[in-house]
């Protein structure tokens, strides 16, 4: 099984990108997670799209199509999802069929605040529903006060790591069930 990991943060020391790297270490044998960076995606523009997708957009759409499921690591900026993540979803919602249509996703998130990206995750669920992406009906991974649980680019909190691992296994089982 091949999963795609997407962080809604461009920051080098991103808590959410760290969650994706932690996920790679927590996956069972036979499951891989490829992290796709969104750094090179241009802002969505229908005029640009009409001339043909830029190479970064083509690579993004191809990565989604090749994945059995997507793990979104969703930061929260000003009580919502980041512009970079919304932009990526806008590009991936285009085409016939659009790459996100029928895809299976799981959302996790980390934030230095007390809500651990809960509001952004709710927004992302709504947006993904509009793209006909299935969001696995699992409990939430809300890593609050992330700066105390992610240290030097590592998820160090044992309780969070255990919960995250169980959450990933539930997502993998859901992907297997839906893909069967």
N, C-alpha and C. Protein backbone atom coordinates (compact mmCIF):
# COMPACT_ATOMS: atom_id res chain seq x y z
N UNK A 1 0.85 -1.18 0.00
CA UNK A 1 0.00 0.00 0.00
C UNK A 1 0.89 1.23 0.00
N UNK A 2 0.52 2.18 -0.85
CA UNK A 2 1.28 3.43 -0.96
C UNK A 2 0.39 4.59 -0.53
N UNK A 3 0.80 5.27 0.54
CA UNK A 3 0.10 6.45 1.01
C UNK A 3 0.88 7.69 0.62
N UNK A 4 0.14 8.78 0.46
CA UNK A 4 0.73 10.07 0.15
C UNK A 4 0.58 10.96 1.38
N UNK A 5 1.66 11.58 1.80
CA UNK A 5 1.62 12.50 2.93
C UNK A 5 1.73 13.92 2.43
N UNK A 6 0.87 14.80 2.94
CA UNK A 6 0.84 16.20 2.52
C UNK A 6 0.77 17.08 3.76
N UNK A 7 1.75 17.97 3.89
CA UNK A 7 1.74 18.93 4.99
C UNK A 7 1.24 20.26 4.47
N UNK A 8 0.36 20.88 5.23
CA UNK A 8 -0.15 22.19 4.87
C UNK A 8 0.78 23.32 5.29
N UNK A 9 1.98 23.00 5.68
CA UNK A 9 2.95 24.00 6.11
C UNK A 9 4.18 23.97 5.21
N UNK A 10 4.71 25.13 4.92
CA UNK A 10 5.95 25.23 4.15
C UNK A 10 7.17 25.42 5.05
N UNK A 11 6.94 25.60 6.32
CA UNK A 11 8.00 25.92 7.27
C UNK A 11 8.99 24.76 7.39
N UNK A 12 10.27 25.06 7.41
CA UNK A 12 11.30 24.03 7.51
C UNK A 12 11.14 23.19 8.78
N UNK A 13 10.82 23.81 9.89
CA UNK A 13 10.67 23.10 11.16
C UNK A 13 9.20 22.86 11.49
N UNK A 14 8.41 22.57 10.50
CA UNK A 14 6.97 22.41 10.66
C UNK A 14 6.63 21.23 11.57
N UNK A 15 5.74 21.50 12.54
CA UNK A 15 5.23 20.42 13.39
C UNK A 15 4.47 19.40 12.56
N UNK A 16 3.74 19.87 11.55
CA UNK A 16 2.91 18.97 10.74
C UNK A 16 3.74 18.12 9.80
N UNK A 17 4.80 18.66 9.26
CA UNK A 17 5.70 17.84 8.45
C UNK A 17 6.38 16.80 9.34
N UNK A 18 6.70 17.18 10.57
CA UNK A 18 7.27 16.22 11.51
C UNK A 18 6.30 15.08 11.76
N UNK A 19 4.99 15.37 11.85
CA UNK A 19 4.01 14.29 12.01
C UNK A 19 4.09 13.30 10.84
N UNK A 20 4.27 13.81 9.63
CA UNK A 20 4.38 12.92 8.48
C UNK A 20 5.62 12.04 8.57
N UNK A 21 6.73 12.63 9.00
CA UNK A 21 7.95 11.81 9.17
C UNK A 21 7.76 10.78 10.28
N UNK A 22 7.06 11.16 11.35
CA UNK A 22 6.76 10.19 12.41
C UNK A 22 5.88 9.07 11.87
N UNK A 23 4.93 9.42 11.02
CA UNK A 23 4.05 8.41 10.42
C UNK A 23 4.86 7.39 9.64
N UNK A 24 5.86 7.84 8.90
CA UNK A 24 6.69 6.91 8.13
C UNK A 24 7.31 5.85 9.04
N UNK A 25 7.68 6.25 10.26
CA UNK A 25 8.30 5.31 11.20
C UNK A 25 7.28 4.40 11.87
N UNK A 26 6.02 4.80 11.88
CA UNK A 26 4.98 4.04 12.58
C UNK A 26 4.22 3.06 11.68
N UNK A 27 4.44 3.13 10.38
CA UNK A 27 3.67 2.30 9.46
C UNK A 27 4.09 0.83 9.54
N UNK A 28 3.15 -0.06 9.37
CA UNK A 28 3.48 -1.49 9.37
C UNK A 28 4.20 -1.88 8.07
N UNK A 29 4.79 -3.04 8.06
CA UNK A 29 5.44 -3.57 6.86
C UNK A 29 4.43 -3.62 5.72
N UNK A 30 4.90 -3.32 4.54
CA UNK A 30 4.05 -3.36 3.36
C UNK A 30 3.31 -2.07 3.09
N UNK A 31 3.50 -1.06 3.94
CA UNK A 31 2.85 0.24 3.75
C UNK A 31 3.94 1.30 3.72
N UNK A 32 3.88 2.14 2.69
CA UNK A 32 4.85 3.23 2.58
C UNK A 32 4.11 4.57 2.54
N UNK A 33 4.81 5.61 2.92
CA UNK A 33 4.27 6.96 2.89
C UNK A 33 5.29 7.85 2.19
N UNK A 34 4.87 8.42 1.07
CA UNK A 34 5.69 9.37 0.33
C UNK A 34 5.19 10.77 0.65
N UNK A 35 6.09 11.62 1.10
CA UNK A 35 5.72 12.99 1.43
C UNK A 35 5.88 13.86 0.19
N UNK A 36 4.81 14.53 -0.16
CA UNK A 36 4.82 15.43 -1.33
C UNK A 36 4.84 16.87 -0.84
N UNK A 37 5.88 17.58 -1.18
CA UNK A 37 6.01 18.99 -0.80
C UNK A 37 5.18 19.87 -1.74
N UNK A 38 4.59 20.89 -1.17
CA UNK A 38 3.74 21.80 -1.94
C UNK A 38 4.45 23.11 -2.28
N UNK A 39 5.73 23.19 -2.04
CA UNK A 39 6.49 24.43 -2.17
C UNK A 39 6.47 25.04 -3.57
N UNK A 40 6.38 24.24 -4.59
CA UNK A 40 6.50 24.75 -5.96
C UNK A 40 5.16 24.97 -6.66
N UNK A 41 4.05 24.67 -5.99
CA UNK A 41 2.75 24.86 -6.64
C UNK A 41 2.45 26.34 -6.84
N UNK A 42 2.12 26.74 -8.06
CA UNK A 42 1.71 28.14 -8.25
C UNK A 42 0.32 28.35 -7.67
N UNK A 43 -0.03 29.60 -7.45
CA UNK A 43 -1.40 29.90 -7.03
C UNK A 43 -2.36 29.47 -8.13
N UNK A 44 -3.49 28.89 -7.73
CA UNK A 44 -4.45 28.45 -8.73
C UNK A 44 -4.93 29.64 -9.55
N UNK A 45 -4.96 29.45 -10.86
CA UNK A 45 -5.39 30.48 -11.79
C UNK A 45 -5.97 29.75 -13.00
N UNK A 46 -7.24 29.93 -13.26
CA UNK A 46 -7.89 29.24 -14.38
C UNK A 46 -7.27 29.61 -15.71
N UNK A 47 -6.70 30.81 -15.83
CA UNK A 47 -6.02 31.18 -17.08
C UNK A 47 -4.78 30.32 -17.28
N UNK A 48 -4.03 30.09 -16.22
CA UNK A 48 -2.85 29.22 -16.29
C UNK A 48 -3.29 27.79 -16.60
N UNK A 49 -4.32 27.34 -15.92
CA UNK A 49 -4.85 25.99 -16.14
C UNK A 49 -5.26 25.80 -17.60
N UNK A 50 -5.86 26.82 -18.20
CA UNK A 50 -6.33 26.73 -19.60
C UNK A 50 -5.16 26.52 -20.56
N UNK A 51 -3.99 26.96 -20.18
CA UNK A 51 -2.79 26.78 -21.02
C UNK A 51 -2.12 25.44 -20.77
N UNK A 52 -2.60 24.70 -19.79
CA UNK A 52 -2.01 23.41 -19.43
C UNK A 52 -1.39 23.48 -18.06
N UNK A 53 -1.56 22.42 -17.29
CA UNK A 53 -1.02 22.42 -15.93
C UNK A 53 0.49 22.60 -15.94
N UNK A 54 1.00 23.49 -15.07
CA UNK A 54 2.45 23.60 -14.91
C UNK A 54 3.02 22.28 -14.38
N UNK A 55 4.31 22.03 -14.57
CA UNK A 55 4.91 20.76 -14.13
C UNK A 55 4.67 20.43 -12.66
N UNK A 56 4.73 21.41 -11.78
CA UNK A 56 4.50 21.14 -10.35
C UNK A 56 3.07 20.68 -10.10
N UNK A 57 2.13 21.19 -10.85
CA UNK A 57 0.73 20.79 -10.70
C UNK A 57 0.55 19.37 -11.23
N UNK A 58 1.15 19.07 -12.38
CA UNK A 58 1.08 17.73 -12.94
C UNK A 58 1.66 16.71 -11.96
N UNK A 59 2.81 17.03 -11.35
CA UNK A 59 3.44 16.13 -10.39
C UNK A 59 2.54 15.91 -9.18
N UNK A 60 1.89 16.97 -8.70
CA UNK A 60 0.97 16.90 -7.56
C UNK A 60 -0.22 16.00 -7.91
N UNK A 61 -0.83 16.23 -9.05
CA UNK A 61 -1.98 15.41 -9.45
C UNK A 61 -1.59 13.95 -9.66
N UNK A 62 -0.42 13.71 -10.26
CA UNK A 62 0.05 12.34 -10.46
C UNK A 62 0.30 11.63 -9.14
N UNK A 63 0.84 12.36 -8.16
CA UNK A 63 1.10 11.77 -6.84
C UNK A 63 -0.21 11.34 -6.18
N UNK A 64 -1.24 12.14 -6.32
CA UNK A 64 -2.55 11.79 -5.75
C UNK A 64 -3.11 10.55 -6.44
N UNK A 65 -3.04 10.54 -7.77
CA UNK A 65 -3.59 9.40 -8.52
C UNK A 65 -2.87 8.10 -8.19
N UNK A 66 -1.58 8.17 -7.89
CA UNK A 66 -0.79 6.98 -7.61
C UNK A 66 -0.98 6.46 -6.18
N UNK A 67 -1.59 7.26 -5.32
CA UNK A 67 -1.71 6.90 -3.91
C UNK A 67 -2.96 6.07 -3.64
N UNK A 68 -2.83 5.16 -2.69
CA UNK A 68 -3.98 4.40 -2.22
C UNK A 68 -4.79 5.23 -1.23
N UNK A 69 -4.16 6.17 -0.58
CA UNK A 69 -4.82 7.06 0.38
C UNK A 69 -3.92 8.24 0.68
N UNK A 70 -4.50 9.29 1.23
CA UNK A 70 -3.75 10.52 1.51
C UNK A 70 -3.83 10.84 2.99
N UNK A 71 -2.69 11.15 3.57
CA UNK A 71 -2.62 11.61 4.96
C UNK A 71 -2.32 13.11 4.92
N UNK A 72 -3.30 13.90 5.30
CA UNK A 72 -3.13 15.35 5.36
C UNK A 72 -2.71 15.74 6.77
N UNK A 73 -1.59 16.45 6.89
CA UNK A 73 -1.15 17.01 8.16
C UNK A 73 -1.49 18.50 8.10
N UNK A 74 -2.48 18.88 8.88
CA UNK A 74 -3.15 20.17 8.72
C UNK A 74 -2.84 21.14 9.86
N UNK A 75 -2.00 22.14 9.60
CA UNK A 75 -1.81 23.17 10.61
C UNK A 75 -3.02 24.10 10.67
N UNK A 76 -3.04 24.93 11.67
CA UNK A 76 -4.14 25.89 11.80
C UNK A 76 -3.55 27.30 11.88
N UNK A 77 -3.93 28.14 10.93
CA UNK A 77 -3.53 29.55 10.92
C UNK A 77 -4.79 30.38 11.03
N UNK A 78 -4.87 31.22 12.03
CA UNK A 78 -6.03 32.11 12.20
C UNK A 78 -7.35 31.35 12.14
N UNK A 79 -7.40 30.22 12.83
CA UNK A 79 -8.61 29.40 12.96
C UNK A 79 -9.04 28.73 11.66
N UNK A 80 -8.13 28.53 10.72
CA UNK A 80 -8.48 27.88 9.47
C UNK A 80 -7.31 27.16 8.84
N UNK A 81 -7.56 26.58 7.67
CA UNK A 81 -6.48 25.88 6.96
C UNK A 81 -5.57 26.91 6.32
N UNK A 82 -4.39 26.48 5.99
CA UNK A 82 -3.41 27.37 5.37
C UNK A 82 -3.75 27.62 3.91
N UNK A 83 -3.31 28.74 3.40
CA UNK A 83 -3.50 29.06 1.99
C UNK A 83 -2.84 28.04 1.09
N UNK A 84 -1.67 27.55 1.48
CA UNK A 84 -0.95 26.58 0.65
C UNK A 84 -1.75 25.28 0.51
N UNK A 85 -2.40 24.86 1.59
CA UNK A 85 -3.18 23.62 1.52
C UNK A 85 -4.45 23.83 0.69
N UNK A 86 -5.11 24.94 0.89
CA UNK A 86 -6.31 25.23 0.09
C UNK A 86 -5.96 25.32 -1.38
N UNK A 87 -4.85 25.97 -1.70
CA UNK A 87 -4.40 26.09 -3.09
C UNK A 87 -4.14 24.71 -3.71
N UNK A 88 -3.48 23.84 -2.95
CA UNK A 88 -3.19 22.50 -3.46
C UNK A 88 -4.47 21.73 -3.73
N UNK A 89 -5.43 21.85 -2.84
CA UNK A 89 -6.71 21.17 -3.04
C UNK A 89 -7.45 21.75 -4.24
N UNK A 90 -7.39 23.07 -4.41
CA UNK A 90 -8.03 23.68 -5.58
C UNK A 90 -7.47 23.11 -6.87
N UNK A 91 -6.14 22.99 -6.98
CA UNK A 91 -5.55 22.40 -8.18
C UNK A 91 -6.00 20.95 -8.36
N UNK A 92 -6.01 20.18 -7.26
CA UNK A 92 -6.31 18.75 -7.35
C UNK A 92 -7.80 18.46 -7.50
N UNK A 93 -8.62 19.50 -7.41
CA UNK A 93 -10.06 19.32 -7.60
C UNK A 93 -10.46 19.54 -9.05
N UNK A 94 -9.49 19.82 -9.89
CA UNK A 94 -9.75 20.15 -11.29
C UNK A 94 -9.41 18.97 -12.19
N UNK A 95 -10.10 18.89 -13.33
CA UNK A 95 -9.88 17.82 -14.29
C UNK A 95 -11.07 16.89 -14.30
N UNK A 96 -11.05 15.97 -15.23
CA UNK A 96 -12.17 15.06 -15.36
C UNK A 96 -11.65 13.64 -15.63
N UNK A 97 -11.65 12.78 -14.65
CA UNK A 97 -12.03 13.06 -13.27
C UNK A 97 -10.91 13.79 -12.53
N UNK A 98 -11.29 14.56 -11.55
CA UNK A 98 -10.30 15.25 -10.73
C UNK A 98 -9.55 14.23 -9.87
N UNK A 99 -8.27 14.45 -9.63
CA UNK A 99 -7.49 13.48 -8.87
C UNK A 99 -8.06 13.17 -7.48
N UNK A 100 -8.67 14.14 -6.83
CA UNK A 100 -9.20 13.90 -5.49
C UNK A 100 -10.53 13.15 -5.48
N UNK A 101 -11.23 13.12 -6.61
CA UNK A 101 -12.53 12.46 -6.67
C UNK A 101 -12.39 10.98 -6.33
N UNK A 102 -13.08 10.55 -5.28
CA UNK A 102 -13.05 9.16 -4.88
C UNK A 102 -11.85 8.75 -4.05
N UNK A 103 -10.92 9.66 -3.84
CA UNK A 103 -9.73 9.35 -3.04
C UNK A 103 -10.13 9.21 -1.57
N UNK A 104 -9.32 8.51 -0.80
CA UNK A 104 -9.55 8.29 0.62
C UNK A 104 -8.51 9.10 1.38
N UNK A 105 -8.95 9.86 2.37
CA UNK A 105 -8.03 10.72 3.11
C UNK A 105 -8.20 10.56 4.61
N UNK A 106 -7.16 10.92 5.31
CA UNK A 106 -7.14 10.98 6.76
C UNK A 106 -6.51 12.32 7.13
N UNK A 107 -7.03 12.95 8.17
CA UNK A 107 -6.54 14.26 8.57
C UNK A 107 -5.98 14.19 9.99
N UNK A 108 -4.78 14.73 10.15
CA UNK A 108 -4.17 14.89 11.46
C UNK A 108 -3.66 16.32 11.54
N UNK A 109 -3.27 16.76 12.71
CA UNK A 109 -2.75 18.11 12.80
C UNK A 109 -2.09 18.41 14.12
N UNK A 110 -1.15 19.34 14.06
CA UNK A 110 -0.42 19.78 15.24
C UNK A 110 -0.40 21.29 15.28
N UNK A 111 -0.48 21.82 16.50
CA UNK A 111 -0.47 23.26 16.68
C UNK A 111 0.07 23.59 18.06
N UNK A 112 0.75 24.72 18.19
CA UNK A 112 1.21 25.11 19.52
C UNK A 112 0.05 25.48 20.46
N UNK A 113 -1.11 25.75 19.91
CA UNK A 113 -2.27 26.15 20.71
C UNK A 113 -2.92 24.98 21.43
N UNK A 114 -4.01 25.29 22.10
CA UNK A 114 -4.71 24.28 22.91
C UNK A 114 -5.68 23.41 22.12
N UNK A 115 -6.02 23.79 20.90
CA UNK A 115 -7.00 23.01 20.15
C UNK A 115 -6.36 22.06 19.14
N UNK A 116 -5.06 22.12 18.96
CA UNK A 116 -4.37 21.17 18.11
C UNK A 116 -4.86 21.13 16.67
N UNK A 117 -5.32 22.21 16.13
CA UNK A 117 -5.79 22.37 14.75
C UNK A 117 -7.21 21.85 14.50
N UNK A 118 -8.01 21.76 15.54
CA UNK A 118 -9.38 21.23 15.41
C UNK A 118 -10.22 22.03 14.42
N UNK A 119 -10.14 23.35 14.47
CA UNK A 119 -10.97 24.17 13.56
C UNK A 119 -10.50 24.01 12.12
N UNK A 120 -9.20 23.97 11.91
CA UNK A 120 -8.68 23.78 10.55
C UNK A 120 -9.06 22.40 10.02
N UNK A 121 -9.00 21.39 10.87
CA UNK A 121 -9.38 20.05 10.43
C UNK A 121 -10.85 20.00 10.04
N UNK A 122 -11.70 20.67 10.79
CA UNK A 122 -13.12 20.72 10.42
C UNK A 122 -13.30 21.40 9.06
N UNK A 123 -12.58 22.48 8.84
CA UNK A 123 -12.64 23.18 7.55
C UNK A 123 -12.17 22.27 6.42
N UNK A 124 -11.06 21.57 6.66
CA UNK A 124 -10.51 20.69 5.64
C UNK A 124 -11.49 19.57 5.31
N UNK A 125 -12.15 19.01 6.31
CA UNK A 125 -13.16 17.97 6.04
C UNK A 125 -14.25 18.50 5.11
N UNK A 126 -14.73 19.70 5.38
CA UNK A 126 -15.77 20.30 4.55
C UNK A 126 -15.28 20.50 3.12
N UNK A 127 -14.08 21.02 2.97
CA UNK A 127 -13.52 21.27 1.63
C UNK A 127 -13.34 19.95 0.89
N UNK A 128 -12.80 18.95 1.57
CA UNK A 128 -12.58 17.66 0.91
C UNK A 128 -13.90 17.00 0.51
N UNK A 129 -14.91 17.17 1.33
CA UNK A 129 -16.23 16.63 0.97
C UNK A 129 -16.71 17.23 -0.35
N UNK A 130 -16.47 18.51 -0.57
CA UNK A 130 -16.86 19.18 -1.81
C UNK A 130 -16.10 18.65 -3.02
N UNK A 131 -14.91 18.08 -2.79
CA UNK A 131 -14.13 17.53 -3.89
C UNK A 131 -14.42 16.05 -4.11
N UNK A 132 -15.39 15.52 -3.36
CA UNK A 132 -15.78 14.11 -3.42
C UNK A 132 -14.67 13.18 -2.94
N UNK A 133 -13.86 13.70 -2.01
CA UNK A 133 -12.84 12.90 -1.34
C UNK A 133 -13.47 12.29 -0.10
N UNK A 134 -13.25 11.01 0.11
CA UNK A 134 -13.77 10.34 1.31
C UNK A 134 -12.80 10.62 2.45
N UNK A 135 -13.31 11.17 3.54
CA UNK A 135 -12.48 11.35 4.73
C UNK A 135 -12.82 10.22 5.68
N UNK A 136 -11.80 9.43 5.97
CA UNK A 136 -12.02 8.26 6.82
C UNK A 136 -12.65 8.68 8.14
N UNK A 137 -13.70 8.02 8.54
CA UNK A 137 -14.45 8.39 9.75
C UNK A 137 -13.77 7.89 11.02
N UNK A 138 -12.62 8.45 11.28
CA UNK A 138 -11.85 8.05 12.45
C UNK A 138 -11.88 9.15 13.50
N UNK A 139 -11.41 8.81 14.69
CA UNK A 139 -11.22 9.84 15.69
C UNK A 139 -10.16 10.83 15.21
N UNK A 140 -10.02 11.91 15.92
CA UNK A 140 -9.10 12.96 15.49
C UNK A 140 -7.72 12.80 16.13
N UNK A 141 -6.71 13.20 15.41
CA UNK A 141 -5.38 13.37 15.97
C UNK A 141 -5.15 14.87 16.05
N UNK A 142 -5.24 15.39 17.26
CA UNK A 142 -5.09 16.81 17.53
C UNK A 142 -3.91 16.98 18.47
N UNK A 143 -2.75 17.24 17.91
CA UNK A 143 -1.56 17.39 18.73
C UNK A 143 -1.50 18.84 19.20
N UNK A 144 -2.03 19.07 20.41
CA UNK A 144 -2.03 20.41 20.98
C UNK A 144 -0.72 20.64 21.72
N UNK A 145 -0.37 21.90 21.93
CA UNK A 145 0.91 22.27 22.53
C UNK A 145 2.04 21.49 21.88
N UNK A 146 2.05 21.51 20.56
CA UNK A 146 2.98 20.70 19.79
C UNK A 146 4.44 20.98 20.14
N UNK A 147 4.74 22.18 20.53
CA UNK A 147 6.13 22.53 20.86
C UNK A 147 6.63 21.76 22.09
N UNK A 148 5.73 21.16 22.86
CA UNK A 148 6.16 20.34 24.00
C UNK A 148 6.22 18.86 23.63
N UNK A 149 5.66 18.48 22.48
CA UNK A 149 5.60 17.08 22.08
C UNK A 149 6.47 16.77 20.86
N UNK A 150 6.86 17.82 20.17
CA UNK A 150 7.74 17.70 19.01
C UNK A 150 8.98 18.54 19.32
N UNK A 151 10.10 17.85 19.48
CA UNK A 151 11.33 18.51 19.89
C UNK A 151 12.43 18.14 18.90
N UNK A 152 13.10 19.16 18.38
CA UNK A 152 14.19 18.96 17.42
C UNK A 152 13.77 18.07 16.24
N UNK A 153 12.57 18.31 15.74
CA UNK A 153 12.10 17.59 14.57
C UNK A 153 11.67 16.16 14.82
N UNK A 154 11.42 15.82 16.09
CA UNK A 154 11.01 14.46 16.44
C UNK A 154 9.77 14.50 17.31
N UNK A 155 8.84 13.59 17.04
CA UNK A 155 7.69 13.42 17.92
C UNK A 155 8.19 12.65 19.14
N UNK A 156 8.24 13.30 20.29
CA UNK A 156 8.86 12.71 21.47
C UNK A 156 7.87 12.26 22.53
N UNK A 157 6.62 12.66 22.44
CA UNK A 157 5.62 12.32 23.44
C UNK A 157 5.11 10.90 23.20
N UNK A 158 5.35 10.01 24.15
CA UNK A 158 5.01 8.59 23.98
C UNK A 158 3.51 8.36 23.84
N UNK A 159 2.71 9.06 24.62
CA UNK A 159 1.26 8.88 24.55
C UNK A 159 0.73 9.32 23.18
N UNK A 160 1.22 10.45 22.69
CA UNK A 160 0.81 10.95 21.37
C UNK A 160 1.26 9.98 20.28
N UNK A 161 2.48 9.49 20.40
CA UNK A 161 3.01 8.55 19.40
C UNK A 161 2.16 7.28 19.35
N UNK A 162 1.80 6.75 20.51
CA UNK A 162 0.98 5.53 20.55
C UNK A 162 -0.39 5.78 19.94
N UNK A 163 -1.01 6.89 20.28
CA UNK A 163 -2.33 7.20 19.74
C UNK A 163 -2.25 7.40 18.23
N UNK A 164 -1.23 8.11 17.78
CA UNK A 164 -1.04 8.35 16.35
C UNK A 164 -0.83 7.04 15.61
N UNK A 165 -0.05 6.14 16.16
CA UNK A 165 0.17 4.83 15.53
C UNK A 165 -1.12 4.04 15.41
N UNK A 166 -1.93 4.05 16.44
CA UNK A 166 -3.22 3.35 16.39
C UNK A 166 -4.14 3.99 15.36
N UNK A 167 -4.11 5.30 15.27
CA UNK A 167 -4.92 6.04 14.30
C UNK A 167 -4.49 5.68 12.87
N UNK A 168 -3.19 5.64 12.64
CA UNK A 168 -2.69 5.26 11.31
C UNK A 168 -3.11 3.84 10.94
N UNK A 169 -3.03 2.92 11.89
CA UNK A 169 -3.44 1.55 11.61
C UNK A 169 -4.92 1.47 11.28
N UNK A 170 -5.75 2.25 11.96
CA UNK A 170 -7.18 2.28 11.65
C UNK A 170 -7.40 2.83 10.25
N UNK A 171 -6.63 3.87 9.87
CA UNK A 171 -6.75 4.43 8.53
C UNK A 171 -6.33 3.40 7.48
N UNK A 172 -5.25 2.72 7.71
CA UNK A 172 -4.77 1.70 6.77
C UNK A 172 -5.84 0.61 6.60
N UNK A 173 -6.44 0.18 7.69
CA UNK A 173 -7.49 -0.84 7.61
C UNK A 173 -8.69 -0.32 6.82
N UNK A 174 -9.02 0.96 6.99
CA UNK A 174 -10.14 1.56 6.24
C UNK A 174 -9.80 1.63 4.75
N UNK A 175 -8.56 2.01 4.43
CA UNK A 175 -8.15 2.05 3.02
C UNK A 175 -8.25 0.66 2.41
N UNK A 176 -7.77 -0.34 3.13
CA UNK A 176 -7.85 -1.73 2.63
C UNK A 176 -9.29 -2.14 2.41
N UNK A 177 -10.15 -1.80 3.35
CA UNK A 177 -11.57 -2.17 3.23
C UNK A 177 -12.22 -1.50 2.03
N UNK A 178 -11.96 -0.20 1.87
CA UNK A 178 -12.60 0.54 0.77
C UNK A 178 -12.00 0.20 -0.59
N UNK A 179 -10.75 -0.20 -0.62
CA UNK A 179 -10.10 -0.55 -1.90
C UNK A 179 -10.37 -1.99 -2.31
N UNK A 180 -10.89 -2.80 -1.38
CA UNK A 180 -11.12 -4.23 -1.68
C UNK A 180 -12.28 -4.41 -2.65
